[in-house]
Amino acid sequence: MNVNTALPTTMRALVLDGPGFEHLQVRGVPLPRPGPNQLLARVDAAGICTSLIKLIEQGPKHSLLNGWDISRYPLILGDEGSVTLVEVGSNLTGHYHPGERYVLQPAVDHAPINHRERYRDNARGMDKVAVGYSLPGHLAEYILIGEEVLAADCLLSLPDESLPFAHAAMGEPLSCVISAQDHHVHLVQAGPLSRREVIKGLKPGGVTVVIGAGAMGRMHVDLALSYRPRAVVVSDFIDDRLDKVKELFAARAAGMGIELHVLNGSQTNVKEFVDQLTGYRGADDVIVAVGSARAIESAQQLTGRGAVLNLFGGLKKGDDIVGLDTTLVHYKEINVTGSSGGSPWDIARTLEVMAAGQIDAAAHITRIGDLAHAPAFLEMVKAQALDGKAVVYPHRRTADILAVPSWSAADEAAWLAS
């Protein structure tokens, strides 16, 4: 084992030891040490994910815990982050080296290898685990990377070592958007007698509509521009969110020759606007980036022939049955798709796109803090009082939460040096 004698014996971590926010706290825990087939990494930056609210509230009832007794075996949360290796297990020394930087894909498509006895029925039938759930998470000063992560190819190296810590930590949420838009499939014909060809992703030169201008909706707009549609229409009911879309993307869209339209759906009839914009042909890609049955049902009417309707925003169980106009599927030949998270490829692709400057992770970060602020950030997420992504730096102590319009590489470097 490549032992780092400079490592501490304890670390701070966000720990959940029972269902509910009253069981959530940042506290000192023993520093884990890697076994022969494991790695230990320093967490450089970690994101705050909305999916943690469901985990906190459900506890052992969450499907990814499968009966894991969190009062007896508390969890270290955090499914978003960027890390640097500090210690390598003895069987892995030829493959990994301290100082290398990585991002983890938290959705690990592999059966549990360790602690199977902690799951219901000894983990029988389980084929998936997750980082920040039963596997150690990023909301800590250090993270133990176990055999499951490595076996499932969920440890992704950075294509560019200059990527800021916070930007790399945005790899997971942005990868969900990469995955979602990669699910768009268009069948096109050059002429009546030509065979159909497949275009994957948003239709270049087409019209894309994004319903919902919150944090994830803005990520969809960011990536949508890289497909170079003719126009992007963004609809929301909150003017501040729409103003943020214009602030972040209007100049870039104009420079690319793409029309960017932002509409308040309570003041403008979105369907009439799309009809006028497309000559009543309808949009080519419609992404519902908000969890609303009403939004899904109305978004169907925006689609044109051969369009893709993406149901990105999830609905709560019990509210997840919505009306589908089957005549649109039949006569307009639309495709209805969706996705839940991404794969390791999506993380790798996201890092490549960020390194190439095709999407700007800085635009989506609005809060910066210390690990100690993680519970407060999660309370803000639960109350829907946080617009944008919050990032914490576990090794940088600060008393105050920093509200920012964006967070560039220069911002990070200056803040960490101060």
Protein backbone atom coordinates (compact mmCIF):
# COMPACT_ATOMS: atom_id res chain seq x y z
CA MET A 1 0.00 0.00 0.00
CA ASN A 2 1.20 3.49 -0.84
CA VAL A 3 0.80 5.00 2.63
CA ASN A 4 0.62 8.77 3.04
CA THR A 5 1.88 9.47 6.55
CA ALA A 6 0.74 13.10 6.31
CA LEU A 7 -2.91 12.10 6.36
CA PRO A 8 -4.97 12.87 9.47
CA THR A 9 -6.62 10.16 11.56
CA THR A 10 -10.07 11.80 11.45
CA MET A 11 -12.03 13.90 8.98
CA ARG A 12 -15.20 15.96 8.78
CA ALA A 13 -18.16 14.42 6.95
CA LEU A 14 -21.87 15.02 6.40
CA VAL A 15 -23.42 12.04 8.15
CA LEU A 16 -26.99 10.71 8.09
CA ASP A 17 -27.84 8.31 10.93
CA GLY A 18 -31.64 8.21 10.66
CA PRO A 19 -34.51 9.42 8.45
CA GLY A 20 -35.11 13.17 8.53
CA PHE A 21 -33.07 16.35 8.71
CA GLU A 22 -32.81 16.02 12.49
CA HIS A 23 -30.47 13.07 11.86
CA LEU A 24 -28.19 15.02 9.52
CA GLN A 25 -25.00 16.69 10.73
CA VAL A 26 -21.39 17.45 9.88
CA ARG A 27 -19.20 15.67 12.40
CA GLY A 28 -15.81 14.09 12.86
CA VAL A 29 -15.40 10.47 11.78
CA PRO A 30 -12.38 8.17 11.47
CA LEU A 31 -10.43 8.58 8.26
CA PRO A 32 -10.99 5.45 6.13
CA ARG A 33 -7.94 3.64 4.83
CA PRO A 34 -8.05 1.75 1.55
CA GLY A 35 -7.82 -2.01 1.29
CA PRO A 36 -5.68 -3.72 -1.36
CA ASN A 37 -8.24 -3.07 -4.12
CA GLN A 38 -9.41 0.37 -3.00
CA LEU A 39 -8.37 4.01 -3.26
CA LEU A 40 -8.49 6.98 -0.93
CA ALA A 41 -9.02 10.43 -2.42
CA ARG A 42 -9.14 13.97 -1.14
CA VAL A 43 -12.45 15.66 -2.00
CA ASP A 44 -11.53 18.93 -3.68
CA ALA A 45 -15.10 20.18 -4.24
CA ALA A 46 -18.57 18.71 -3.84
CA GLY A 47 -21.96 19.70 -5.25
CA ILE A 48 -25.30 19.70 -3.46
CA CYS A 49 -27.79 17.48 -5.27
CA THR A 50 -31.59 17.67 -4.98
CA SER A 51 -31.81 13.86 -4.99
CA LEU A 52 -30.36 13.85 -1.46
CA ILE A 53 -33.64 15.24 -0.12
CA LYS A 54 -35.38 11.99 -1.01
CA LEU A 55 -32.60 9.96 0.62
CA ILE A 56 -32.71 12.02 3.80
CA GLU A 57 -36.47 11.72 4.09
CA GLN A 58 -36.75 8.01 3.22
CA GLY A 59 -33.67 6.60 4.91
CA PRO A 60 -33.55 2.76 4.74
CA LYS A 61 -36.74 2.72 2.65
CA HIS A 62 -34.86 4.25 -0.28
CA SER A 63 -34.49 1.68 -3.04
CA LEU A 64 -30.72 2.17 -3.28
CA LEU A 65 -30.30 1.40 0.43
CA ASN A 66 -32.46 -1.73 0.35
CA GLY A 67 -32.87 -2.02 4.10
CA TRP A 68 -29.43 -0.72 5.12
CA ASP A 69 -29.70 0.21 8.84
CA ILE A 70 -28.41 3.78 8.83
CA SER A 71 -28.72 4.12 12.63
CA ARG A 72 -26.19 1.30 12.99
CA TYR A 73 -24.17 2.08 9.85
CA PRO A 74 -24.50 5.83 9.15
CA LEU A 75 -24.08 7.16 5.63
CA ILE A 76 -21.67 9.77 4.32
CA LEU A 77 -23.71 11.67 1.72
CA GLY A 78 -22.75 13.36 -1.52
CA ASP A 79 -23.09 12.10 -5.09
CA GLU A 80 -21.38 15.03 -6.86
CA GLY A 81 -17.72 15.93 -6.57
CA SER A 82 -14.18 16.07 -7.86
CA VAL A 83 -11.30 14.28 -6.15
CA THR A 84 -7.52 13.82 -6.06
CA LEU A 85 -5.99 10.48 -5.15
CA VAL A 86 -3.90 10.45 -1.96
CA GLU A 87 -3.49 6.72 -1.24
CA VAL A 88 -3.54 3.65 -3.49
CA GLY A 89 -4.28 0.06 -2.45
CA SER A 90 -1.41 -2.41 -2.79
CA ASN A 91 -2.99 -4.28 -5.72
CA LEU A 92 -3.59 -1.07 -7.69
CA THR A 93 -0.23 0.70 -7.48
CA GLY A 94 0.58 0.08 -11.15
CA HIS A 95 -2.74 1.52 -12.32
CA TYR A 96 -3.34 4.57 -10.11
CA HIS A 97 -1.05 7.16 -8.57
CA PRO A 98 -1.40 9.81 -5.85
CA GLY A 99 -2.00 13.25 -7.31
CA GLU A 100 -4.23 12.05 -10.17
CA ARG A 101 -7.57 13.84 -10.45
CA TYR A 102 -10.89 12.12 -11.12
CA VAL A 103 -14.67 12.46 -11.14
CA LEU A 104 -16.90 9.60 -10.00
CA GLN A 105 -20.08 8.45 -11.72
CA PRO A 106 -22.24 7.92 -8.61
CA ALA A 107 -24.72 5.50 -10.20
CA VAL A 108 -22.68 2.29 -10.02
CA ASP A 109 -24.11 -0.53 -12.12
CA HIS A 110 -22.62 -3.33 -10.08
CA ALA A 111 -23.80 -5.62 -7.31
CA PRO A 112 -22.48 -4.86 -3.81
CA ILE A 113 -19.08 -6.39 -3.12
CA ASN A 114 -18.59 -5.15 0.44
CA HIS A 115 -20.98 -5.32 3.39
CA ARG A 116 -23.60 -7.45 1.65
CA GLU A 117 -24.91 -8.50 5.07
CA ARG A 118 -26.07 -4.93 5.71
CA TYR A 119 -28.64 -5.06 2.92
CA ARG A 120 -31.99 -6.83 2.95
CA ASP A 121 -31.70 -10.56 2.13
CA ASN A 122 -27.91 -10.28 1.97
CA ALA A 123 -28.26 -8.02 -1.12
CA ARG A 124 -29.94 -10.76 -3.13
CA GLY A 125 -31.03 -9.44 -6.52
CA MET A 126 -29.21 -6.11 -6.13
CA ASP A 127 -27.37 -5.05 -9.28
CA LYS A 128 -26.77 -1.38 -8.50
CA VAL A 129 -25.26 0.70 -5.69
CA ALA A 130 -24.53 4.42 -5.45
CA VAL A 131 -21.85 6.78 -4.21
CA GLY A 132 -23.21 8.94 -1.39
CA TYR A 133 -25.78 6.29 -0.52
CA SER A 134 -24.47 2.95 0.77
CA LEU A 135 -21.07 3.76 -0.76
CA PRO A 136 -19.10 6.63 0.86
CA GLY A 137 -19.94 10.06 -0.56
CA HIS A 138 -18.24 13.34 -1.48
CA LEU A 139 -19.56 15.52 1.34
CA ALA A 140 -16.47 14.77 3.40
CA GLU A 141 -12.83 15.74 3.43
CA TYR A 142 -11.83 12.36 1.99
CA ILE A 143 -13.66 9.61 0.13
CA LEU A 144 -12.99 5.87 0.05
CA ILE A 145 -13.34 4.54 -3.50
CA GLY A 146 -14.30 0.89 -3.35
CA GLU A 147 -14.16 -2.11 -5.63
CA GLU A 148 -17.65 -1.59 -7.04
CA VAL A 149 -16.75 1.84 -8.45
CA LEU A 150 -13.65 0.51 -10.16
CA ALA A 151 -15.32 -2.66 -11.47
CA ALA A 152 -18.09 -0.59 -13.09
CA ASP A 153 -15.66 1.88 -14.73
CA CYS A 154 -17.15 4.70 -12.69
CA LEU A 155 -13.86 6.49 -11.98
CA LEU A 156 -13.26 8.99 -14.80
CA SER A 157 -9.99 10.86 -15.28
CA LEU A 158 -9.98 14.53 -16.26
CA PRO A 159 -9.16 15.32 -19.91
CA ASP A 160 -7.66 18.62 -18.78
CA GLU A 161 -5.93 18.99 -15.41
CA SER A 162 -6.64 22.73 -15.46
CA LEU A 163 -10.38 22.20 -14.98
CA PRO A 164 -11.36 23.98 -11.75
CA PHE A 165 -12.39 21.76 -8.84
CA ALA A 166 -15.93 23.18 -8.79
CA HIS A 167 -16.39 22.76 -12.54
CA ALA A 168 -15.29 19.13 -12.40
CA ALA A 169 -17.73 18.62 -9.53
CA MET A 170 -20.49 19.76 -11.89
CA GLY A 171 -19.72 16.78 -14.14
CA GLU A 172 -22.48 14.64 -12.65
CA PRO A 173 -25.45 17.05 -12.95
CA LEU A 174 -24.32 18.18 -16.38
CA SER A 175 -23.92 14.54 -17.45
CA CYS A 176 -27.63 14.03 -16.75
CA VAL A 177 -28.32 16.70 -19.38
CA ILE A 178 -25.80 15.17 -21.79
CA SER A 179 -27.57 11.83 -21.37
CA ALA A 180 -31.04 13.34 -21.79
CA GLN A 181 -30.25 15.14 -25.03
CA ASP A 182 -28.35 12.11 -26.33
CA HIS A 183 -31.68 10.24 -26.09
CA HIS A 184 -33.18 12.45 -28.81
CA VAL A 185 -33.49 10.56 -32.08
CA HIS A 186 -34.74 12.12 -35.34
CA LEU A 187 -35.48 10.18 -38.52
CA VAL A 188 -34.85 12.31 -41.61
CA GLN A 189 -35.07 11.77 -45.37
CA ALA A 190 -33.17 13.76 -47.99
CA GLY A 191 -36.00 13.12 -50.46
CA PRO A 192 -39.18 11.07 -50.93
CA LEU A 193 -37.24 8.10 -52.31
CA SER A 194 -34.36 8.34 -49.84
CA ARG A 195 -33.98 5.92 -46.98
CA ARG A 196 -34.45 7.27 -43.49
CA GLU A 197 -31.31 8.38 -41.68
CA VAL A 198 -30.88 8.85 -37.96
CA ILE A 199 -29.82 12.11 -36.33
CA LYS A 200 -28.98 11.67 -32.65
CA GLY A 201 -29.35 14.64 -30.33
CA LEU A 202 -31.18 17.90 -30.88
CA LYS A 203 -31.95 18.71 -34.48
CA PRO A 204 -29.41 21.13 -35.98
CA GLY A 205 -31.18 24.06 -37.61
CA GLY A 206 -34.40 23.16 -35.82
CA VAL A 207 -36.39 24.74 -33.01
CA THR A 208 -35.81 23.60 -29.43
CA VAL A 209 -38.19 24.43 -26.57
CA VAL A 210 -37.14 24.13 -22.92
CA ILE A 211 -39.95 24.24 -20.36
CA GLY A 212 -38.57 25.35 -17.00
CA ALA A 213 -35.70 27.81 -16.48
CA GLY A 214 -34.44 26.55 -13.14
CA ALA A 215 -30.94 25.17 -12.60
CA MET A 216 -31.42 22.05 -14.73
CA GLY A 217 -33.41 23.91 -17.38
CA ARG A 218 -30.54 26.36 -17.79
CA MET A 219 -28.13 23.46 -18.19
CA HIS A 220 -30.35 22.19 -21.01
CA VAL A 221 -30.20 25.61 -22.69
CA ASP A 222 -26.41 25.66 -22.32
CA LEU A 223 -25.99 22.28 -24.02
CA ALA A 224 -28.75 22.92 -26.59
CA LEU A 225 -26.76 25.80 -28.07
CA SER A 226 -23.93 23.39 -28.93
CA TYR A 227 -26.28 21.57 -31.36
CA ARG A 228 -26.81 24.86 -33.22
CA PRO A 229 -30.59 24.90 -33.57
CA ARG A 230 -32.16 27.80 -35.43
CA ALA A 231 -33.95 28.95 -32.28
CA VAL A 232 -34.25 28.09 -28.59
CA VAL A 233 -37.43 28.99 -26.73
CA VAL A 234 -37.35 28.97 -22.92
CA SER A 235 -40.54 29.18 -20.88
CA ASP A 236 -41.07 29.65 -17.14
CA PHE A 237 -43.44 31.46 -14.78
CA ILE A 238 -40.67 33.20 -12.80
CA ASP A 239 -39.19 36.33 -14.38
CA ASP A 240 -35.97 36.18 -12.36
CA ARG A 241 -35.18 32.77 -13.88
CA LEU A 242 -35.89 34.03 -17.37
CA ASP A 243 -33.69 37.07 -16.76
CA LYS A 244 -30.93 34.69 -15.68
CA VAL A 245 -31.27 32.80 -18.99
CA LYS A 246 -30.87 36.04 -20.93
CA GLU A 247 -27.94 37.13 -18.77
CA LEU A 248 -26.10 33.83 -19.24
CA PHE A 249 -26.86 32.90 -22.82
CA ALA A 250 -28.20 35.82 -24.91
CA ALA A 251 -24.82 37.11 -26.10
CA ARG A 252 -23.50 33.62 -26.82
CA ALA A 253 -26.62 32.66 -28.78
CA ALA A 254 -26.47 35.89 -30.79
CA GLY A 255 -22.83 35.26 -31.59
CA MET A 256 -23.76 31.81 -32.92
CA GLY A 257 -26.65 33.16 -34.99
CA ILE A 258 -29.24 31.38 -32.79
CA GLU A 259 -32.48 33.08 -31.82
CA LEU A 260 -33.05 32.95 -28.05
CA HIS A 261 -36.59 33.64 -26.87
CA VAL A 262 -37.59 33.72 -23.20
CA LEU A 263 -41.29 33.64 -22.38
CA ASN A 264 -43.28 33.96 -19.17
CA GLY A 265 -45.94 31.31 -19.69
CA SER A 266 -48.43 33.19 -17.50
CA GLN A 267 -48.24 36.20 -19.82
CA THR A 268 -47.58 34.65 -23.24
CA ASN A 269 -49.35 31.77 -24.96
CA VAL A 270 -46.36 29.53 -25.60
CA LYS A 271 -48.15 27.41 -28.20
CA GLU A 272 -49.19 30.43 -30.23
CA PHE A 273 -45.64 31.77 -30.06
CA VAL A 274 -44.15 28.46 -31.24
CA ASP A 275 -46.75 28.23 -34.01
CA GLN A 276 -45.80 31.68 -35.26
CA LEU A 277 -42.06 30.95 -34.96
CA THR A 278 -42.30 27.67 -36.90
CA GLY A 279 -45.00 28.56 -39.43
CA TYR A 280 -47.38 26.22 -37.55
CA ARG A 281 -45.05 23.24 -38.07
CA GLY A 282 -44.24 22.91 -34.37
CA ALA A 283 -40.95 22.50 -32.52
CA ASP A 284 -38.42 19.78 -33.31
CA ASP A 285 -37.30 19.16 -29.71
CA VAL A 286 -39.30 19.87 -26.56
CA ILE A 287 -37.68 19.32 -23.16
CA VAL A 288 -39.80 19.46 -20.01
CA ALA A 289 -37.23 20.34 -17.35
CA VAL A 290 -39.72 20.74 -14.53
CA GLY A 291 -41.63 18.16 -12.49
CA SER A 292 -45.15 19.15 -13.45
CA ALA A 293 -47.90 16.98 -14.94
CA ARG A 294 -49.57 20.07 -16.34
CA ALA A 295 -46.33 21.13 -18.05
CA ILE A 296 -45.94 17.67 -19.61
CA GLU A 297 -49.49 17.61 -20.92
CA SER A 298 -49.30 21.10 -22.43
CA ALA A 299 -45.80 20.54 -23.87
CA GLN A 300 -47.14 17.79 -26.13
CA GLN A 301 -49.01 20.40 -28.13
CA LEU A 302 -45.77 22.21 -29.00
CA THR A 303 -44.34 19.30 -30.99
CA GLY A 304 -44.08 19.16 -34.76
CA ARG A 305 -43.98 16.17 -37.06
CA GLY A 306 -41.19 13.76 -36.10
CA ALA A 307 -40.38 15.80 -32.99
CA VAL A 308 -38.94 14.50 -29.73
CA LEU A 309 -40.69 15.15 -26.40
CA ASN A 310 -38.29 14.67 -23.49
CA LEU A 311 -39.82 14.18 -20.03
CA PHE A 312 -36.75 15.23 -18.05
CA GLY A 313 -38.44 16.53 -14.90
CA GLY A 314 -39.58 13.64 -12.71
CA LEU A 315 -42.97 13.46 -11.00
CA LYS A 316 -43.68 12.22 -7.48
CA LYS A 317 -45.02 8.71 -7.15
CA GLY A 318 -48.80 8.95 -7.12
CA ASP A 319 -48.74 12.01 -9.37
CA ASP A 320 -46.86 10.35 -12.21
CA ILE A 321 -49.77 9.29 -14.43
CA VAL A 322 -50.40 11.94 -17.09
CA GLY A 323 -52.56 12.22 -20.18
CA LEU A 324 -50.85 11.38 -23.46
CA ASP A 325 -52.40 12.52 -26.74
CA THR A 326 -51.83 9.35 -28.76
CA THR A 327 -52.90 11.05 -31.98
CA LEU A 328 -49.67 13.07 -31.79
CA VAL A 329 -47.64 9.88 -31.52
CA HIS A 330 -49.60 8.24 -34.32
CA TYR A 331 -50.12 11.03 -36.85
CA LYS A 332 -47.19 13.33 -36.06
CA GLU A 333 -44.88 10.37 -35.41
CA ILE A 334 -43.32 12.02 -32.36
CA ASN A 335 -40.93 10.21 -30.06
CA VAL A 336 -41.44 10.44 -26.29
CA THR A 337 -38.29 9.84 -24.28
CA GLY A 338 -36.72 10.40 -20.89
CA SER A 339 -33.66 9.52 -18.88
CA SER A 340 -32.61 9.11 -15.29
CA GLY A 341 -29.02 10.09 -14.63
CA GLY A 342 -26.17 9.17 -16.91
CA SER A 343 -23.57 6.51 -17.52
CA PRO A 344 -19.78 6.70 -17.11
CA TRP A 345 -19.63 7.68 -20.79
CA ASP A 346 -21.88 10.67 -20.07
CA ILE A 347 -19.51 11.87 -17.33
CA ALA A 348 -16.51 11.43 -19.63
CA ARG A 349 -18.29 13.26 -22.45
CA THR A 350 -19.30 16.07 -20.09
CA LEU A 351 -15.72 16.59 -18.99
CA GLU A 352 -14.60 16.68 -22.63
CA VAL A 353 -17.29 19.23 -23.54
CA MET A 354 -16.39 21.40 -20.55
CA ALA A 355 -12.68 21.24 -21.37
CA ALA A 356 -13.49 22.27 -24.96
CA GLY A 357 -15.49 25.26 -23.75
CA GLN A 358 -18.73 24.07 -25.39
CA ILE A 359 -20.63 24.38 -22.11
CA ASP A 360 -19.79 26.66 -19.20
CA ALA A 361 -20.03 25.08 -15.76
CA ALA A 362 -19.33 28.47 -14.19
CA ALA A 363 -22.73 29.74 -15.30
CA HIS A 364 -24.61 27.27 -13.14
CA ILE A 365 -22.90 27.79 -9.76
CA THR A 366 -24.60 30.35 -7.50
CA ARG A 367 -23.50 29.45 -3.94
CA ILE A 368 -20.10 28.65 -2.45
CA GLY A 369 -19.41 27.40 1.05
CA ASP A 370 -17.63 25.18 3.52
CA LEU A 371 -18.60 21.56 4.23
CA ALA A 372 -20.27 22.86 7.39
CA HIS A 373 -22.79 24.68 5.18
CA ALA A 374 -24.02 21.48 3.49
CA PRO A 375 -27.05 21.00 5.80
CA ALA A 376 -28.10 24.61 5.25
CA PHE A 377 -27.76 24.21 1.49
CA LEU A 378 -29.91 21.09 1.60
CA GLU A 379 -32.56 22.93 3.63
CA MET A 380 -32.51 25.65 0.96
CA VAL A 381 -32.95 23.03 -1.76
CA LYS A 382 -35.87 21.48 0.13
CA ALA A 383 -37.54 24.90 0.48
CA GLN A 384 -36.87 25.65 -3.22
CA ALA A 385 -34.92 28.69 -2.07
CA LEU A 386 -31.77 27.90 -4.03
CA ASP A 387 -31.73 28.77 -7.73
CA GLY A 388 -28.59 27.26 -9.22
CA LYS A 389 -26.00 24.89 -7.85
CA ALA A 390 -24.22 25.09 -4.50
CA VAL A 391 -20.63 23.86 -4.21
CA VAL A 392 -18.68 23.26 -1.01
CA TYR A 393 -14.92 22.98 -0.55
CA PRO A 394 -14.36 20.51 2.32
CA HIS A 395 -10.79 21.68 3.02
CA ARG A 396 -11.43 25.42 2.89
CA ARG A 397 -12.87 26.73 6.18
CA THR A 398 -15.16 29.74 6.00
CA ALA A 399 -17.93 31.07 8.21
CA ASP A 400 -19.99 32.67 5.48
CA ILE A 401 -21.94 31.39 2.49
CA LEU A 402 -20.97 33.21 -0.68
CA ALA A 403 -23.69 34.11 -3.19
CA VAL A 404 -22.25 34.49 -6.69
CA PRO A 405 -23.62 35.21 -10.19
CA SER A 406 -21.22 32.59 -11.59
CA TRP A 407 -17.98 30.89 -10.53
CA SER A 408 -15.01 30.97 -12.88
CA ALA A 409 -11.59 29.36 -12.64
CA ALA A 410 -10.18 32.72 -11.58
CA ASP A 411 -12.87 33.08 -8.90
CA GLU A 412 -11.98 29.68 -7.48
CA ALA A 413 -8.25 30.30 -7.49
CA ALA A 414 -8.62 33.67 -5.75
CA TRP A 415 -11.06 32.32 -3.14
CA LEU A 416 -8.93 29.29 -2.28
CA ALA A 417 -5.83 31.48 -1.97
CA SER A 418 -7.51 34.05 0.30
